[in-house]
C-alpha atoms as a PDB file:
ATOM      1  CA  MET A   1       0.000   0.000   0.000  1.00  0.00           C
ATOM      2  CA  LYS A   2       2.873   2.376   0.818  1.00  0.00           C
ATOM      3  CA  ARG A   3       4.385   1.761  -2.601  1.00  0.00           C
ATOM      4  CA  LEU A   4       1.103   2.625  -4.302  1.00  0.00           C
ATOM      5  CA  VAL A   5       0.835   5.902  -2.387  1.00  0.00           C
ATOM      6  CA  ALA A   6       4.487   6.717  -3.120  1.00  0.00           C
ATOM      7  CA  LEU A   7       3.925   5.973  -6.819  1.00  0.00           C
ATOM      8  CA  ALA A   8       0.815   8.166  -6.916  1.00  0.00           C
ATOM      9  CA  VAL A   9       2.562  11.049  -5.163  1.00  0.00           C
ATOM     10  CA  SER A  10       5.528  10.730  -7.504  1.00  0.00           C
ATOM     11  CA  ALA A  11       3.246  10.761 -10.541  1.00  0.00           C
ATOM     12  CA  PHE A  12       1.510  13.920  -9.310  1.00  0.00           C
ATOM     13  CA  GLY A  13       4.882  15.511  -8.627  1.00  0.00           C
ATOM     14  CA  VAL A  14       6.187  14.711 -12.103  1.00  0.00           C
ATOM     15  CA  ARG A  15       2.985  16.014 -13.662  1.00  0.00           C
ATOM     16  CA  ALA A  16       3.181  19.253 -11.655  1.00  0.00           C
ATOM     17  CA  LEU A  17       6.821  19.681 -12.619  1.00  0.00           C
ATOM     18  CA  LEU A  18       6.046  19.226 -16.314  1.00  0.00           C
ATOM     19  CA  ARG A  19       3.131  21.682 -16.150  1.00  0.00           C
ATOM     20  CA  ARG A  20       5.280  24.244 -14.370  1.00  0.00           C
ATOM     21  CA  ARG A  21       8.062  23.817 -16.904  1.00  0.00           C
ATOM     22  CA  SER A  22       5.703  24.308 -19.862  1.00  0.00           C
ATOM     23  CA  ARG A  23       4.347  27.505 -18.286  1.00  0.00           C
ATOM     24  CA  ALA A  24       7.871  28.839 -17.890  1.00  0.00           C
ATOM     25  CA  ILE A  25       8.482  28.366 -21.606  1.00  0.00           C
ATOM     26  CA  GLU A  26       5.366  30.292 -22.662  1.00  0.00           C
ATOM     27  CA  PRO A  27       6.534  33.712 -21.376  1.00  0.00           C
ATOM     28  CA  ALA A  28       9.858  33.191 -23.132  1.00  0.00           C
ATOM     29  CA  ASP A  29       8.038  32.573 -26.406  1.00  0.00           C
ATOM     30  CA  GLU A  30       5.923  35.671 -25.830  1.00  0.00           C
ATOM     31  CA  LEU A  31       9.027  37.784 -25.238  1.00  0.00           C
ATOM     32  CA  ARG A  32      10.669  36.391 -28.362  1.00  0.00           C
ATOM     33  CA  SER A  33       7.632  37.352 -30.438  1.00  0.00           C
ATOM     34  CA  ARG A  34       7.640  40.867 -28.956  1.00  0.00           C
ATOM     35  CA  LEU A  35      11.323  41.227 -29.733  1.00  0.00           C
ATOM     36  CA  ALA A  36      10.782  40.072 -33.302  1.00  0.00           C
ATOM     37  CA  ALA A  37       7.950  42.584 -33.676  1.00  0.00           C
ATOM     38  CA  THR A  38      10.116  45.460 -32.482  1.00  0.00           C
ATOM     39  CA  ARG A  39      12.898  44.468 -34.836  1.00  0.00           C
ATOM     40  CA  THR A  40      10.572  44.710 -37.817  1.00  0.00           C
ATOM     41  CA  THR A  41       9.515  48.276 -37.015  1.00  0.00           C
ATOM     42  CA  ASP A  42      11.390  51.175 -38.500  1.00  0.00           C
ATOM     43  CA  GLU A  43      14.686  51.637 -36.782  1.00  0.00           C
ATOM     44  CA  PRO A  44      15.834  55.210 -36.217  1.00  0.00           C
ATOM     45  CA  GLU A  45      18.552  56.363 -38.529  1.00  0.00           C
ATOM     46  CA  PRO A  46      21.957  56.852 -36.940  1.00  0.00           C
ATOM     47  CA  PRO A  47      22.944  60.473 -36.489  1.00  0.00           C
ATOM     48  CA  ALA A  48      24.777  61.960 -39.424  1.00  0.00           C
ATOM     49  CA  ALA A  49      28.518  62.280 -39.002  1.00  0.00           C
ATOM     50  CA  THR A  50      29.722  65.830 -38.583  1.00  0.00           C
ATOM     51  CA  SER A  51      32.243  67.090 -41.041  1.00  0.00           C
ATOM     52  CA  ALA A  52      35.524  68.651 -39.975  1.00  0.00           C
ATOM     53  CA  ASP A  53      34.358  72.045 -41.268  1.00  0.00           C
ATOM     54  CA  GLU A  54      31.449  72.349 -38.836  1.00  0.00           C
ATOM     55  CA  PRO A  55      32.140  74.043 -35.482  1.00  0.00           C
ATOM     56  CA  LEU A  56      31.904  71.727 -32.486  1.00  0.00           C
ATOM     57  CA  ASP A  57      29.797  72.506 -29.460  1.00  0.00           C
ATOM     58  CA  GLY A  58      31.115  72.101 -25.891  1.00  0.00           C
ATOM     59  CA  VAL A  59      30.598  68.371 -25.424  1.00  0.00           C
ATOM     60  CA  ASP A  60      31.773  67.426 -28.911  1.00  0.00           C
ATOM     61  CA  ALA A  61      34.824  69.651 -28.576  1.00  0.00           C
ATOM     62  CA  ARG A  62      35.756  68.037 -25.261  1.00  0.00           C
ATOM     63  CA  ARG A  63      35.217  64.594 -26.729  1.00  0.00           C
ATOM     64  CA  ALA A  64      37.411  65.386 -29.724  1.00  0.00           C
ATOM     65  CA  ASP A  65      40.109  66.749 -27.394  1.00  0.00           C
ATOM     66  CA  VAL A  66      40.028  63.598 -25.239  1.00  0.00           C
ATOM     67  CA  HIS A  67      40.326  61.380 -28.306  1.00  0.00           C
ATOM     68  CA  ALA A  68      43.189  63.432 -29.687  1.00  0.00           C
ATOM     69  CA  ARG A  69      45.079  63.205 -26.392  1.00  0.00           C
ATOM     70  CA  ALA A  70      44.428  59.470 -26.209  1.00  0.00           C
ATOM     71  CA  ARG A  71      45.749  58.947 -29.734  1.00  0.00           C
ATOM     72  CA  GLN A  72      48.832  61.007 -28.868  1.00  0.00           C
ATOM     73  CA  SER A  73      49.451  58.924 -25.740  1.00  0.00           C
ATOM     74  CA  ILE A  74      49.074  55.684 -27.693  1.00  0.00           C
ATOM     75  CA  ASP A  75      51.517  56.937 -30.318  1.00  0.00           C
ATOM     76  CA  GLU A  76      54.040  57.873 -27.623  1.00  0.00           C
ATOM     77  CA  LEU A  77      53.747  54.455 -25.984  1.00  0.00           C
ATOM     78  CA  SER A  78      54.111  52.589 -29.261  1.00  0.00           C
ATOM     79  CA  ASN A  79      57.379  54.422 -30.169  1.00  0.00           C
END
């Protein structure tokens, strides 16, 4: 009798585990479909590159200065 009860409890446990596992997969599928839908929408165009003739504002000027100093430091280290 104990074996029958143990078998029944095990069967219910396996069934519950399988049901829980299948539910966990469903949200993943839903998220994948949402991601695919957002990928098909129009993506924003990347910002146009500024030419060297255009004046730089404060942030862009600082960024250009940092990059120039970094390139100079790399050149000094490589020599």
